[in-house]
Amino acid sequence: MMGKKRLPKGCRLVTAIGISATDQYVAAADAAEKIAVHLFKVDGGAAAIATVQINMKVVHLAFSPFDENVFATAGKDHLAICTLDGKTLGKKMGKGKGGTVDSQCAAAWSASEATKDTIFSGSSSGDVCQW
């Protein structure tokens, strides 16, 4: 092992992990009571530089290939878009038709410049959703 990052006190069990396109950041979701995603600098220290609460189980995490400050989480009843703004991680929860979202099992960003803001997710209902 070359090193390790450490989730903040009270966190447990990393459920999803993602690395930004330029390897500047690594994000890790935890399974603590208030489920959160913690962002670390790859070449930085062991402590997280920012945290965002998702409050729903995260099973997959994917960074945008066009903006290393943006990643998506998928999991229990959600798809969330998280954005690093300075030292703060914000989130926007995805909503399906009718204002609800099935549980999502996976997330992937489009790699095309023409559709760079498009995310695909795999739903527990067996659908591939385009956001």
C-alpha atoms as a PDB file:
ATOM      1  CA  MET A   1       0.000   0.000   0.000  1.00  0.00           C
ATOM      2  CA  MET A   2       1.277   3.465  -0.925  1.00  0.00           C
ATOM      3  CA  GLY A   3      -0.917   5.390   1.506  1.00  0.00           C
ATOM      4  CA  LYS A   4      -4.502   5.898   2.581  1.00  0.00           C
ATOM      5  CA  LYS A   5      -7.195   8.492   3.120  1.00  0.00           C
ATOM      6  CA  ARG A   6      -9.306   8.483   6.280  1.00  0.00           C
ATOM      7  CA  LEU A   7     -13.047   9.051   6.547  1.00  0.00           C
ATOM      8  CA  PRO A   8     -14.002  11.496   9.314  1.00  0.00           C
ATOM      9  CA  LYS A   9     -14.723  10.194  12.822  1.00  0.00           C
ATOM     10  CA  GLY A  10     -18.023   8.314  13.054  1.00  0.00           C
ATOM     11  CA  CYS A  11     -17.968   7.155   9.429  1.00  0.00           C
ATOM     12  CA  ARG A  12     -17.796   3.518   8.449  1.00  0.00           C
ATOM     13  CA  LEU A  13     -17.782   1.248   5.428  1.00  0.00           C
ATOM     14  CA  VAL A  14     -16.881   2.810   2.072  1.00  0.00           C
ATOM     15  CA  THR A  15     -19.728   1.865  -0.296  1.00  0.00           C
ATOM     16  CA  ALA A  16     -18.609   3.661  -3.473  1.00  0.00           C
ATOM     17  CA  ILE A  17     -15.473   5.360  -4.740  1.00  0.00           C
ATOM     18  CA  GLY A  18     -14.581   7.450  -7.781  1.00  0.00           C
ATOM     19  CA  ILE A  19     -11.536   9.236  -9.164  1.00  0.00           C
ATOM     20  CA  SER A  20     -11.664  12.452 -11.202  1.00  0.00           C
ATOM     21  CA  ALA A  21     -10.530  12.400 -14.841  1.00  0.00           C
ATOM     22  CA  THR A  22      -7.196  14.093 -14.095  1.00  0.00           C
ATOM     23  CA  ASP A  23      -6.603  12.130 -10.866  1.00  0.00           C
ATOM     24  CA  GLN A  24      -6.830  15.314  -8.774  1.00  0.00           C
ATOM     25  CA  TYR A  25      -9.660  14.063  -6.543  1.00  0.00           C
ATOM     26  CA  VAL A  26     -10.945  10.823  -5.068  1.00  0.00           C
ATOM     27  CA  ALA A  27     -14.454  10.703  -3.606  1.00  0.00           C
ATOM     28  CA  ALA A  28     -15.683   8.044  -1.183  1.00  0.00           C
ATOM     29  CA  ALA A  29     -19.227   7.419   0.084  1.00  0.00           C
ATOM     30  CA  ASP A  30     -19.765   6.072   3.570  1.00  0.00           C
ATOM     31  CA  ALA A  31     -22.552   4.052   5.195  1.00  0.00           C
ATOM     32  CA  ALA A  32     -22.781   5.960   8.475  1.00  0.00           C
ATOM     33  CA  GLU A  33     -26.147   7.077   9.871  1.00  0.00           C
ATOM     34  CA  LYS A  34     -26.068  10.343   7.875  1.00  0.00           C
ATOM     35  CA  ILE A  35     -24.687   8.963   4.630  1.00  0.00           C
ATOM     36  CA  ALA A  36     -22.172  11.324   3.047  1.00  0.00           C
ATOM     37  CA  VAL A  37     -19.568  11.559   0.301  1.00  0.00           C
ATOM     38  CA  HIS A  38     -16.105  12.751   1.295  1.00  0.00           C
ATOM     39  CA  LEU A  39     -13.747  14.375  -1.211  1.00  0.00           C
ATOM     40  CA  PHE A  40      -9.973  14.028  -0.921  1.00  0.00           C
ATOM     41  CA  LYS A  41      -7.056  15.446  -2.910  1.00  0.00           C
ATOM     42  CA  VAL A  42      -5.191  12.464  -4.378  1.00  0.00           C
ATOM     43  CA  ASP A  43      -1.808  14.068  -3.682  1.00  0.00           C
ATOM     44  CA  GLY A  44      -2.990  15.641  -0.393  1.00  0.00           C
ATOM     45  CA  GLY A  45      -3.194  14.475   3.174  1.00  0.00           C
ATOM     46  CA  ALA A  46      -5.336  11.776   4.736  1.00  0.00           C
ATOM     47  CA  ALA A  47      -8.242  14.099   5.686  1.00  0.00           C
ATOM     48  CA  ALA A  48     -11.201  14.970   3.452  1.00  0.00           C
ATOM     49  CA  ILE A  49     -11.210  18.486   1.970  1.00  0.00           C
ATOM     50  CA  ALA A  50     -15.024  18.605   1.643  1.00  0.00           C
ATOM     51  CA  THR A  51     -18.085  16.542   2.547  1.00  0.00           C
ATOM     52  CA  VAL A  52     -21.688  16.476   1.310  1.00  0.00           C
ATOM     53  CA  GLN A  53     -24.551  14.615   2.975  1.00  0.00           C
ATOM     54  CA  ILE A  54     -26.580  12.423   0.628  1.00  0.00           C
ATOM     55  CA  ASN A  55     -28.729  10.777   3.348  1.00  0.00           C
ATOM     56  CA  MET A  56     -29.526   7.781   1.115  1.00  0.00           C
ATOM     57  CA  LYS A  57     -27.393   4.703   0.504  1.00  0.00           C
ATOM     58  CA  VAL A  58     -24.818   5.283  -2.264  1.00  0.00           C
ATOM     59  CA  VAL A  59     -23.871   2.254  -4.376  1.00  0.00           C
ATOM     60  CA  HIS A  60     -22.084   3.965  -7.272  1.00  0.00           C
ATOM     61  CA  LEU A  61     -20.163   7.188  -7.864  1.00  0.00           C
ATOM     62  CA  ALA A  62     -18.875   8.619 -11.156  1.00  0.00           C
ATOM     63  CA  PHE A  63     -16.967  11.830 -11.960  1.00  0.00           C
ATOM     64  CA  SER A  64     -17.735  13.940 -15.019  1.00  0.00           C
ATOM     65  CA  PRO A  65     -15.047  13.434 -17.685  1.00  0.00           C
ATOM     66  CA  PHE A  66     -15.288  17.172 -18.497  1.00  0.00           C
ATOM     67  CA  ASP A  67     -15.263  18.802 -15.053  1.00  0.00           C
ATOM     68  CA  GLU A  68     -13.322  17.249 -12.189  1.00  0.00           C
ATOM     69  CA  ASN A  69     -15.341  19.340  -9.738  1.00  0.00           C
ATOM     70  CA  VAL A  70     -18.551  17.443 -10.596  1.00  0.00           C
ATOM     71  CA  PHE A  71     -19.596  13.876  -9.798  1.00  0.00           C
ATOM     72  CA  ALA A  72     -22.815  11.886  -9.567  1.00  0.00           C
ATOM     73  CA  THR A  73     -23.951   9.395  -6.961  1.00  0.00           C
ATOM     74  CA  ALA A  74     -26.518   6.652  -7.507  1.00  0.00           C
ATOM     75  CA  GLY A  75     -28.262   4.569  -4.913  1.00  0.00           C
ATOM     76  CA  LYS A  76     -31.330   4.137  -2.748  1.00  0.00           C
ATOM     77  CA  ASP A  77     -34.075   6.239  -4.350  1.00  0.00           C
ATOM     78  CA  HIS A  78     -31.704   8.811  -5.815  1.00  0.00           C
ATOM     79  CA  LEU A  79     -29.355  10.186  -8.403  1.00  0.00           C
ATOM     80  CA  ALA A  80     -27.450  13.214  -7.082  1.00  0.00           C
ATOM     81  CA  ILE A  81     -25.150  15.636  -8.890  1.00  0.00           C
ATOM     82  CA  CYS A  82     -22.467  16.991  -6.542  1.00  0.00           C
ATOM     83  CA  THR A  83     -20.357  20.054  -7.335  1.00  0.00           C
ATOM     84  CA  LEU A  84     -17.268  21.374  -5.584  1.00  0.00           C
ATOM     85  CA  ASP A  85     -17.392  25.163  -5.276  1.00  0.00           C
ATOM     86  CA  GLY A  86     -14.242  26.300  -3.532  1.00  0.00           C
ATOM     87  CA  LYS A  87     -14.231  24.261  -0.328  1.00  0.00           C
ATOM     88  CA  THR A  88     -17.955  23.435  -0.339  1.00  0.00           C
ATOM     89  CA  LEU A  89     -19.638  20.408  -1.913  1.00  0.00           C
ATOM     90  CA  GLY A  90     -23.197  21.115  -3.040  1.00  0.00           C
ATOM     91  CA  LYS A  91     -25.744  18.643  -4.355  1.00  0.00           C
ATOM     92  CA  LYS A  92     -28.732  18.616  -6.664  1.00  0.00           C
ATOM     93  CA  MET A  93     -31.022  15.621  -6.360  1.00  0.00           C
ATOM     94  CA  GLY A  94     -32.373  14.158  -9.612  1.00  0.00           C
ATOM     95  CA  LYS A  95     -36.127  13.774  -9.938  1.00  0.00           C
ATOM     96  CA  GLY A  96     -38.013  11.546 -12.337  1.00  0.00           C
ATOM     97  CA  LYS A  97     -41.466  12.077 -13.796  1.00  0.00           C
ATOM     98  CA  GLY A  98     -43.879  12.536 -10.923  1.00  0.00           C
ATOM     99  CA  GLY A  99     -41.101  13.861  -8.673  1.00  0.00           C
ATOM    100  CA  THR A 100     -39.824  10.474  -7.518  1.00  0.00           C
ATOM    101  CA  VAL A 101     -36.795   8.415  -8.419  1.00  0.00           C
ATOM    102  CA  ASP A 102     -36.439   4.621  -8.375  1.00  0.00           C
ATOM    103  CA  SER A 103     -33.374   3.251  -6.673  1.00  0.00           C
ATOM    104  CA  GLN A 104     -30.419   3.642  -9.017  1.00  0.00           C
ATOM    105  CA  CYS A 105     -27.693   0.995  -9.179  1.00  0.00           C
ATOM    106  CA  ALA A 106     -25.085   2.658 -11.417  1.00  0.00           C
ATOM    107  CA  ALA A 107     -24.181   6.018 -12.972  1.00  0.00           C
ATOM    108  CA  ALA A 108     -22.086   6.933 -16.018  1.00  0.00           C
ATOM    109  CA  TRP A 109     -21.400  10.251 -17.741  1.00  0.00           C
ATOM    110  CA  SER A 110     -21.518  10.674 -21.493  1.00  0.00           C
ATOM    111  CA  ALA A 111     -18.007  11.167 -22.887  1.00  0.00           C
ATOM    112  CA  SER A 112     -19.181  13.178 -25.916  1.00  0.00           C
ATOM    113  CA  GLU A 113     -18.628  16.948 -25.938  1.00  0.00           C
ATOM    114  CA  ALA A 114     -22.084  17.364 -27.526  1.00  0.00           C
ATOM    115  CA  THR A 115     -23.792  15.594 -24.603  1.00  0.00           C
ATOM    116  CA  LYS A 116     -21.296  16.351 -21.820  1.00  0.00           C
ATOM    117  CA  ASP A 117     -24.040  17.161 -19.300  1.00  0.00           C
ATOM    118  CA  THR A 118     -25.807  13.828 -19.865  1.00  0.00           C
ATOM    119  CA  ILE A 119     -25.747  11.125 -17.210  1.00  0.00           C
ATOM    120  CA  PHE A 120     -27.058   7.599 -17.600  1.00  0.00           C
ATOM    121  CA  SER A 121     -28.138   5.531 -14.628  1.00  0.00           C
ATOM    122  CA  GLY A 122     -29.305   1.971 -14.124  1.00  0.00           C
ATOM    123  CA  SER A 123     -32.616   1.726 -12.302  1.00  0.00           C
ATOM    124  CA  SER A 124     -33.835  -1.006  -9.957  1.00  0.00           C
ATOM    125  CA  SER A 125     -36.864  -1.254 -12.270  1.00  0.00           C
ATOM    126  CA  GLY A 126     -34.614  -2.486 -15.090  1.00  0.00           C
ATOM    127  CA  ASP A 127     -34.491   0.798 -17.001  1.00  0.00           C
ATOM    128  CA  VAL A 128     -31.459   2.728 -18.247  1.00  0.00           C
ATOM    129  CA  CYS A 129     -32.355   6.340 -17.455  1.00  0.00           C
ATOM    130  CA  GLN A 130     -30.974   9.392 -19.258  1.00  0.00           C
ATOM    131  CA  TRP A 131     -30.703  12.589 -17.196  1.00  0.00           C
END
